Amino acid sequence: MLSPTKLIEKIYTAAGRVTAEDLLSRSDYQELRQDLLRLVLQHKRKRRVRLDDNLSIVFENRLTAWLQAQEELRWLSPTRA
């Protein structure tokens, strides 16, 4: 498995839509989740434009969409006992 930094670089630099092949298994994602969240949220902060105290815009890209898909799958996938 790639390091979190290498994985982010791979996702960010790839072309096209996020596909099922880009996504990690639930267990692999869970193993790297803390580092991935930290790195991608740093990236996402740079993409936020605050318009006033109550409104800001975040410009999403392939990396931020990938993270959102991974988080959704984490919540939707049942845990196994």
PDB file of N, CA and C in Angstrom:
ATOM      1  N   MET A   1       0.842  -1.181   0.000  1.00  0.00           N
ATOM      2  CA  MET A   1       0.000   0.000   0.000  1.00  0.00           C
ATOM      3  C   MET A   1       0.888   1.246   0.000  1.00  0.00           C
ATOM      4  N   LEU A   2       0.422   2.273  -0.684  1.00  0.00           N
ATOM      5  CA  LEU A   2       1.165   3.532  -0.763  1.00  0.00           C
ATOM      6  C   LEU A   2       1.099   4.289   0.557  1.00  0.00           C
ATOM      7  N   SER A   3       2.068   5.155   0.774  1.00  0.00           N
ATOM      8  CA  SER A   3       2.008   6.046   1.930  1.00  0.00           C
ATOM      9  C   SER A   3       0.875   7.041   1.686  1.00  0.00           C
ATOM     10  N   PRO A   4       0.337   7.668   2.734  1.00  0.00           N
ATOM     11  CA  PRO A   4      -0.728   8.660   2.546  1.00  0.00           C
ATOM     12  C   PRO A   4      -0.331   9.776   1.580  1.00  0.00           C
ATOM     13  N   THR A   5       0.899  10.255   1.672  1.00  0.00           N
ATOM     14  CA  THR A   5       1.357  11.336   0.801  1.00  0.00           C
ATOM     15  C   THR A   5       1.401  10.891  -0.658  1.00  0.00           C
ATOM     16  N   LYS A   6       1.933   9.704  -0.914  1.00  0.00           N
ATOM     17  CA  LYS A   6       2.005   9.181  -2.284  1.00  0.00           C
ATOM     18  C   LYS A   6       0.599   8.898  -2.840  1.00  0.00           C
ATOM     19  N   LEU A   7      -0.274   8.387  -1.995  1.00  0.00           N
ATOM     20  CA  LEU A   7      -1.644   8.119  -2.420  1.00  0.00           C
ATOM     21  C   LEU A   7      -2.356   9.413  -2.819  1.00  0.00           C
ATOM     22  N   ILE A   8      -2.203  10.447  -2.010  1.00  0.00           N
ATOM     23  CA  ILE A   8      -2.812  11.746  -2.313  1.00  0.00           C
ATOM     24  C   ILE A   8      -2.253  12.292  -3.620  1.00  0.00           C
ATOM     25  N   GLU A   9      -0.963  12.186  -3.807  1.00  0.00           N
ATOM     26  CA  GLU A   9      -0.335  12.654  -5.046  1.00  0.00           C
ATOM     27  C   GLU A   9      -0.901  11.904  -6.256  1.00  0.00           C
ATOM     28  N   LYS A  10      -1.065  10.591  -6.114  1.00  0.00           N
ATOM     29  CA  LYS A  10      -1.605   9.771  -7.200  1.00  0.00           C
ATOM     30  C   LYS A  10      -3.038  10.184  -7.538  1.00  0.00           C
ATOM     31  N   ILE A  11      -3.871  10.360  -6.529  1.00  0.00           N
ATOM     32  CA  ILE A  11      -5.268  10.746  -6.743  1.00  0.00           C
ATOM     33  C   ILE A  11      -5.341  12.139  -7.349  1.00  0.00           C
ATOM     34  N   TYR A  12      -4.559  13.060  -6.824  1.00  0.00           N
ATOM     35  CA  TYR A  12      -4.591  14.457  -7.263  1.00  0.00           C
ATOM     36  C   TYR A  12      -4.134  14.622  -8.712  1.00  0.00           C
ATOM     37  N   THR A  13      -3.127  13.885  -9.108  1.00  0.00           N
ATOM     38  CA  THR A  13      -2.552  14.080 -10.441  1.00  0.00           C
ATOM     39  C   THR A  13      -3.223  13.245 -11.533  1.00  0.00           C
ATOM     40  N   ALA A  14      -4.035  12.269 -11.158  1.00  0.00           N
ATOM     41  CA  ALA A  14      -4.717  11.451 -12.160  1.00  0.00           C
ATOM     42  C   ALA A  14      -5.758  12.292 -12.896  1.00  0.00           C
ATOM     43  N   ALA A  15      -6.041  11.897 -14.102  1.00  0.00           N
ATOM     44  CA  ALA A  15      -7.015  12.629 -14.916  1.00  0.00           C
ATOM     45  C   ALA A  15      -8.382  11.952 -14.839  1.00  0.00           C
ATOM     46  N   GLY A  16      -9.412  12.721 -15.094  1.00  0.00           N
ATOM     47  CA  GLY A  16     -10.755  12.173 -15.194  1.00  0.00           C
ATOM     48  C   GLY A  16     -11.469  12.072 -13.870  1.00  0.00           C
ATOM     49  N   ARG A  17     -12.594  11.415 -13.936  1.00  0.00           N
ATOM     50  CA  ARG A  17     -13.460  11.248 -12.763  1.00  0.00           C
ATOM     51  C   ARG A  17     -12.862  10.260 -11.767  1.00  0.00           C
ATOM     52  N   VAL A  18     -13.322  10.368 -10.530  1.00  0.00           N
ATOM     53  CA  VAL A  18     -12.980   9.364  -9.518  1.00  0.00           C
ATOM     54  C   VAL A  18     -13.796   8.119  -9.853  1.00  0.00           C
ATOM     55  N   THR A  19     -13.125   6.995  -9.955  1.00  0.00           N
ATOM     56  CA  THR A  19     -13.803   5.730 -10.271  1.00  0.00           C
ATOM     57  C   THR A  19     -13.672   4.758  -9.105  1.00  0.00           C
ATOM     58  N   ALA A  20     -14.377   3.664  -9.201  1.00  0.00           N
ATOM     59  CA  ALA A  20     -14.315   2.636  -8.158  1.00  0.00           C
ATOM     60  C   ALA A  20     -12.888   2.125  -7.970  1.00  0.00           C
ATOM     61  N   GLU A  21     -12.110   2.082  -9.041  1.00  0.00           N
ATOM     62  CA  GLU A  21     -10.726   1.605  -8.960  1.00  0.00           C
ATOM     63  C   GLU A  21      -9.845   2.546  -8.142  1.00  0.00           C
ATOM     64  N   ASP A  22     -10.239   3.817  -8.033  1.00  0.00           N
ATOM     65  CA  ASP A  22      -9.468   4.796  -7.256  1.00  0.00           C
ATOM     66  C   ASP A  22      -9.694   4.656  -5.753  1.00  0.00           C
ATOM     67  N   LEU A  23     -10.796   4.028  -5.375  1.00  0.00           N
ATOM     68  CA  LEU A  23     -11.185   3.970  -3.967  1.00  0.00           C
ATOM     69  C   LEU A  23     -10.483   2.824  -3.245  1.00  0.00           C
ATOM     70  N   LEU A  24     -10.197   3.070  -1.984  1.00  0.00           N
ATOM     71  CA  LEU A  24      -9.572   2.058  -1.130  1.00  0.00           C
ATOM     72  C   LEU A  24     -10.641   1.182  -0.492  1.00  0.00           C
ATOM     73  N   SER A  25     -10.259   0.004  -0.081  1.00  0.00           N
ATOM     74  CA  SER A  25     -11.178  -0.829   0.701  1.00  0.00           C
ATOM     75  C   SER A  25     -11.421  -0.128   2.036  1.00  0.00           C
ATOM     76  N   ARG A  26     -12.496  -0.501   2.684  1.00  0.00           N
ATOM     77  CA  ARG A  26     -12.839   0.114   3.978  1.00  0.00           C
ATOM     78  C   ARG A  26     -11.689  -0.050   4.979  1.00  0.00           C
ATOM     79  N   SER A  27     -11.106  -1.228   5.043  1.00  0.00           N
ATOM     80  CA  SER A  27     -10.039  -1.478   6.018  1.00  0.00           C
ATOM     81  C   SER A  27      -8.767  -0.694   5.670  1.00  0.00           C
ATOM     82  N   ASP A  28      -8.415  -0.637   4.384  1.00  0.00           N
ATOM     83  CA  ASP A  28      -7.236   0.132   3.987  1.00  0.00           C
ATOM     84  C   ASP A  28      -7.443   1.620   4.268  1.00  0.00           C
ATOM     85  N   TYR A  29      -8.640   2.118   3.952  1.00  0.00           N
ATOM     86  CA  TYR A  29      -8.927   3.529   4.208  1.00  0.00           C
ATOM     87  C   TYR A  29      -8.878   3.822   5.711  1.00  0.00           C
ATOM     88  N   GLN A  30      -9.471   2.951   6.497  1.00  0.00           N
ATOM     89  CA  GLN A  30      -9.496   3.161   7.944  1.00  0.00           C
ATOM     90  C   GLN A  30      -8.078   3.211   8.514  1.00  0.00           C
ATOM     91  N   GLU A  31      -7.210   2.404   7.978  1.00  0.00           N
ATOM     92  CA  GLU A  31      -5.816   2.358   8.437  1.00  0.00           C
ATOM     93  C   GLU A  31      -5.090   3.687   8.175  1.00  0.00           C
ATOM     94  N   LEU A  32      -5.396   4.315   7.047  1.00  0.00           N
ATOM     95  CA  LEU A  32      -4.726   5.562   6.649  1.00  0.00           C
ATOM     96  C   LEU A  32      -5.550   6.813   6.943  1.00  0.00           C
ATOM     97  N   ARG A  33      -6.771   6.646   7.423  1.00  0.00           N
ATOM     98  CA  ARG A  33      -7.740   7.736   7.515  1.00  0.00           C
ATOM     99  C   ARG A  33      -7.222   8.963   8.256  1.00  0.00           C
ATOM    100  N   GLN A  34      -6.650   8.813   9.401  1.00  0.00           N
ATOM    101  CA  GLN A  34      -6.212   9.962  10.197  1.00  0.00           C
ATOM    102  C   GLN A  34      -5.219  10.831   9.411  1.00  0.00           C
ATOM    103  N   ASP A  35      -4.229  10.210   8.804  1.00  0.00           N
ATOM    104  CA  ASP A  35      -3.240  10.963   8.022  1.00  0.00           C
ATOM    105  C   ASP A  35      -3.861  11.564   6.764  1.00  0.00           C
ATOM    106  N   LEU A  36      -4.727  10.797   6.093  1.00  0.00           N
ATOM    107  CA  LEU A  36      -5.377  11.307   4.884  1.00  0.00           C
ATOM    108  C   LEU A  36      -6.250  12.522   5.197  1.00  0.00           C
ATOM    109  N   LEU A  37      -7.034  12.436   6.261  1.00  0.00           N
ATOM    110  CA  LEU A  37      -7.884  13.574   6.641  1.00  0.00           C
ATOM    111  C   LEU A  37      -7.047  14.811   6.920  1.00  0.00           C
ATOM    112  N   ARG A  38      -5.985  14.631   7.657  1.00  0.00           N
ATOM    113  CA  ARG A  38      -5.129  15.771   8.001  1.00  0.00           C
ATOM    114  C   ARG A  38      -4.569  16.427   6.738  1.00  0.00           C
ATOM    115  N   LEU A  39      -4.051  15.625   5.832  1.00  0.00           N
ATOM    116  CA  LEU A  39      -3.430  16.154   4.617  1.00  0.00           C
ATOM    117  C   LEU A  39      -4.456  16.772   3.660  1.00  0.00           C
ATOM    118  N   VAL A  40      -5.559  16.092   3.440  1.00  0.00           N
ATOM    119  CA  VAL A  40      -6.551  16.605   2.488  1.00  0.00           C
ATOM    120  C   VAL A  40      -7.258  17.830   3.058  1.00  0.00           C
ATOM    121  N   LEU A  41      -7.508  17.866   4.352  1.00  0.00           N
ATOM    122  CA  LEU A  41      -8.154  19.053   4.923  1.00  0.00           C
ATOM    123  C   LEU A  41      -7.228  20.265   4.878  1.00  0.00           C
ATOM    124  N   GLN A  42      -5.925  20.065   4.980  1.00  0.00           N
ATOM    125  CA  GLN A  42      -4.979  21.176   4.770  1.00  0.00           C
ATOM    126  C   GLN A  42      -5.106  21.695   3.345  1.00  0.00           C
ATOM    127  N   HIS A  43      -5.179  20.776   2.397  1.00  0.00           N
ATOM    128  CA  HIS A  43      -5.340  21.127   0.991  1.00  0.00           C
ATOM    129  C   HIS A  43      -6.665  21.874   0.776  1.00  0.00           C
ATOM    130  N   LYS A  44      -7.713  21.386   1.419  1.00  0.00           N
ATOM    131  CA  LYS A  44      -9.042  21.965   1.239  1.00  0.00           C
ATOM    132  C   LYS A  44      -9.118  23.386   1.807  1.00  0.00           C
ATOM    133  N   ARG A  45      -8.409  23.648   2.898  1.00  0.00           N
ATOM    134  CA  ARG A  45      -8.407  24.995   3.489  1.00  0.00           C
ATOM    135  C   ARG A  45      -7.913  26.037   2.500  1.00  0.00           C
ATOM    136  N   LYS A  46      -6.961  25.656   1.683  1.00  0.00           N
ATOM    137  CA  LYS A  46      -6.409  26.581   0.685  1.00  0.00           C
ATOM    138  C   LYS A  46      -7.395  26.841  -0.448  1.00  0.00           C
ATOM    139  N   ARG A  47      -8.408  26.001  -0.563  1.00  0.00           N
ATOM    140  CA  ARG A  47      -9.389  26.121  -1.636  1.00  0.00           C
ATOM    141  C   ARG A  47     -10.668  26.817  -1.175  1.00  0.00           C
ATOM    142  N   ARG A  48     -10.672  27.331   0.033  1.00  0.00           N
ATOM    143  CA  ARG A  48     -11.847  28.001   0.599  1.00  0.00           C
ATOM    144  C   ARG A  48     -11.697  29.512   0.453  1.00  0.00           C
ATOM    145  N   VAL A  49     -12.778  30.141  -0.003  1.00  0.00           N
ATOM    146  CA  VAL A  49     -12.829  31.596  -0.108  1.00  0.00           C
ATOM    147  C   VAL A  49     -13.978  32.077   0.769  1.00  0.00           C
ATOM    148  N   ARG A  50     -13.654  32.874   1.771  1.00  0.00           N
ATOM    149  CA  ARG A  50     -14.682  33.417   2.656  1.00  0.00           C
ATOM    150  C   ARG A  50     -15.214  34.702   2.035  1.00  0.00           C
ATOM    151  N   LEU A  51     -16.544  34.730   1.794  1.00  0.00           N
ATOM    152  CA  LEU A  51     -17.171  35.899   1.197  1.00  0.00           C
ATOM    153  C   LEU A  51     -17.636  36.893   2.260  1.00  0.00           C
ATOM    154  N   ASP A  52     -18.098  36.381   3.399  1.00  0.00           N
ATOM    155  CA  ASP A  52     -18.410  37.215   4.565  1.00  0.00           C
ATOM    156  C   ASP A  52     -18.461  36.300   5.778  1.00  0.00           C
ATOM    157  N   ASP A  53     -18.927  36.802   6.896  1.00  0.00           N
ATOM    158  CA  ASP A  53     -18.916  36.013   8.132  1.00  0.00           C
ATOM    159  C   ASP A  53     -19.778  34.754   8.050  1.00  0.00           C
ATOM    160  N   ASN A  54     -20.765  34.761   7.171  1.00  0.00           N
ATOM    161  CA  ASN A  54     -21.709  33.650   7.111  1.00  0.00           C
ATOM    162  C   ASN A  54     -21.635  32.831   5.822  1.00  0.00           C
ATOM    163  N   LEU A  55     -20.732  33.183   4.932  1.00  0.00           N
ATOM    164  CA  LEU A  55     -20.708  32.494   3.644  1.00  0.00           C
ATOM    165  C   LEU A  55     -19.285  32.290   3.152  1.00  0.00           C
ATOM    166  N   SER A  56     -18.995  31.053   2.787  1.00  0.00           N
ATOM    167  CA  SER A  56     -17.720  30.757   2.150  1.00  0.00           C
ATOM    168  C   SER A  56     -17.956  29.736   1.044  1.00  0.00           C
ATOM    169  N   ILE A  57     -17.034  29.696   0.111  1.00  0.00           N
ATOM    170  CA  ILE A  57     -17.106  28.777  -1.026  1.00  0.00           C
ATOM    171  C   ILE A  57     -15.864  27.904  -0.995  1.00  0.00           C
ATOM    172  N   VAL A  58     -16.071  26.613  -1.221  1.00  0.00           N
ATOM    173  CA  VAL A  58     -14.944  25.689  -1.335  1.00  0.00           C
ATOM    174  C   VAL A  58     -14.914  25.186  -2.774  1.00  0.00           C
ATOM    175  N   PHE A  59     -13.791  25.360  -3.428  1.00  0.00           N
ATOM    176  CA  PHE A  59     -13.612  24.875  -4.789  1.00  0.00           C
ATOM    177  C   PHE A  59     -13.110  23.438  -4.720  1.00  0.00           C
ATOM    178  N   GLU A  60     -13.992  22.511  -5.050  1.00  0.00           N
ATOM    179  CA  GLU A  60     -13.671  21.094  -4.980  1.00  0.00           C
ATOM    180  C   GLU A  60     -12.833  20.686  -6.191  1.00  0.00           C
ATOM    181  N   ASN A  61     -12.087  19.620  -6.019  1.00  0.00           N
ATOM    182  CA  ASN A  61     -11.331  19.039  -7.124  1.00  0.00           C
ATOM    183  C   ASN A  61     -11.358  17.520  -6.988  1.00  0.00           C
ATOM    184  N   ARG A  62     -10.595  16.852  -7.796  1.00  0.00           N
ATOM    185  CA  ARG A  62     -10.597  15.387  -7.794  1.00  0.00           C
ATOM    186  C   ARG A  62     -10.226  14.818  -6.424  1.00  0.00           C
ATOM    187  N   LEU A  63      -9.264  15.423  -5.768  1.00  0.00           N
ATOM    188  CA  LEU A  63      -8.820  14.936  -4.462  1.00  0.00           C
ATOM    189  C   LEU A  63      -9.898  15.106  -3.396  1.00  0.00           C
ATOM    190  N   THR A  64     -10.525  16.264  -3.346  1.00  0.00           N
ATOM    191  CA  THR A  64     -11.555  16.491  -2.324  1.00  0.00           C
ATOM    192  C   THR A  64     -12.787  15.622  -2.594  1.00  0.00           C
ATOM    193  N   ALA A  65     -13.101  15.394  -3.874  1.00  0.00           N
ATOM    194  CA  ALA A  65     -14.217  14.498  -4.219  1.00  0.00           C
ATOM    195  C   ALA A  65     -13.899  13.056  -3.813  1.00  0.00           C
ATOM    196  N   TRP A  66     -12.649  12.649  -4.017  1.00  0.00           N
ATOM    197  CA  TRP A  66     -12.227  11.302  -3.622  1.00  0.00           C
ATOM    198  C   TRP A  66     -12.380  11.097  -2.118  1.00  0.00           C
ATOM    199  N   LEU A  67     -11.931  12.090  -1.344  1.00  0.00           N
ATOM    200  CA  LEU A  67     -12.042  11.980   0.112  1.00  0.00           C
ATOM    201  C   LEU A  67     -13.509  11.891   0.532  1.00  0.00           C
ATOM    202  N   GLN A  68     -14.356  12.699  -0.084  1.00  0.00           N
ATOM    203  CA  GLN A  68     -15.779  12.660   0.251  1.00  0.00           C
ATOM    204  C   GLN A  68     -16.372  11.286  -0.061  1.00  0.00           C
ATOM    205  N   ALA A  69     -16.002  10.718  -1.201  1.00  0.00           N
ATOM    206  CA  ALA A  69     -16.493   9.377  -1.552  1.00  0.00           C
ATOM    207  C   ALA A  69     -16.015   8.345  -0.536  1.00  0.00           C
ATOM    208  N   GLN A  70     -14.752   8.425  -0.125  1.00  0.00           N
ATOM    209  CA  GLN A  70     -14.225   7.482   0.875  1.00  0.00           C
ATOM    210  C   GLN A  70     -14.965   7.615   2.198  1.00  0.00           C
ATOM    211  N   GLU A  71     -15.239   8.844   2.610  1.00  0.00           N
ATOM    212  CA  GLU A  71     -15.957   9.057   3.874  1.00  0.00           C
ATOM    213  C   GLU A  71     -17.391   8.538   3.786  1.00  0.00           C
ATOM    214  N   GLU A  72     -18.050   8.755   2.651  1.00  0.00           N
ATOM    215  CA  GLU A  72     -19.414   8.244   2.464  1.00  0.00           C
ATOM    216  C   GLU A  72     -19.422   6.717   2.516  1.00  0.00           C
ATOM    217  N   LEU A  73     -18.481   6.091   1.838  1.00  0.00           N
ATOM    218  CA  LEU A  73     -18.403   4.631   1.869  1.00  0.00           C
ATOM    219  C   LEU A  73     -18.123   4.121   3.279  1.00  0.00           C
ATOM    220  N   ARG A  74     -17.341   4.861   4.021  1.00  0.00           N
ATOM    221  CA  ARG A  74     -17.039   4.474   5.416  1.00  0.00           C
ATOM    222  C   ARG A  74     -18.311   4.436   6.238  1.00  0.00           C
ATOM    223  N   TRP A  75     -19.181   5.409   6.020  1.00  0.00           N
ATOM    224  CA  TRP A  75     -20.441   5.462   6.782  1.00  0.00           C
ATOM    225  C   TRP A  75     -21.469   4.459   6.272  1.00  0.00           C
ATOM    226  N   LEU A  76     -21.473   4.208   4.968  1.00  0.00           N
ATOM    227  CA  LEU A  76     -22.477   3.332   4.384  1.00  0.00           C
ATOM    228  C   LEU A  76     -22.136   1.858   4.504  1.00  0.00           C
ATOM    229  N   SER A  77     -20.864   1.524   4.542  1.00  0.00           N
ATOM    230  CA  SER A  77     -20.444   0.125   4.614  1.00  0.00           C
ATOM    231  C   SER A  77     -20.649  -0.409   6.018  1.00  0.00           C
ATOM    232  N   PRO A  78     -21.334  -1.532   6.127  1.00  0.00           N
ATOM    233  CA  PRO A  78     -21.525  -2.106   7.460  1.00  0.00           C
ATOM    234  C   PRO A  78     -20.215  -2.636   8.026  1.00  0.00           C
ATOM    235  N   THR A  79     -20.064  -2.510   9.315  1.00  0.00           N
ATOM    236  CA  THR A  79     -18.887  -3.104   9.967  1.00  0.00           C
ATOM    237  C   THR A  79     -19.153  -4.579  10.192  1.00  0.00           C
ATOM    238  N   ARG A  80     -18.107  -5.335  10.163  1.00  0.00           N
ATOM    239  CA  ARG A  80     -18.256  -6.784  10.351  1.00  0.00           C
ATOM    240  C   ARG A  80     -17.810  -7.131  11.747  1.00  0.00           C
ATOM    241  N   ALA A  81     -18.590  -7.927  12.428  1.00  0.00           N
ATOM    242  CA  ALA A  81     -18.273  -8.315  13.813  1.00  0.00           C
ATOM    243  C   ALA A  81     -17.356  -9.502  13.843  1.00  0.00           C
TER     244      ALA A  81
END
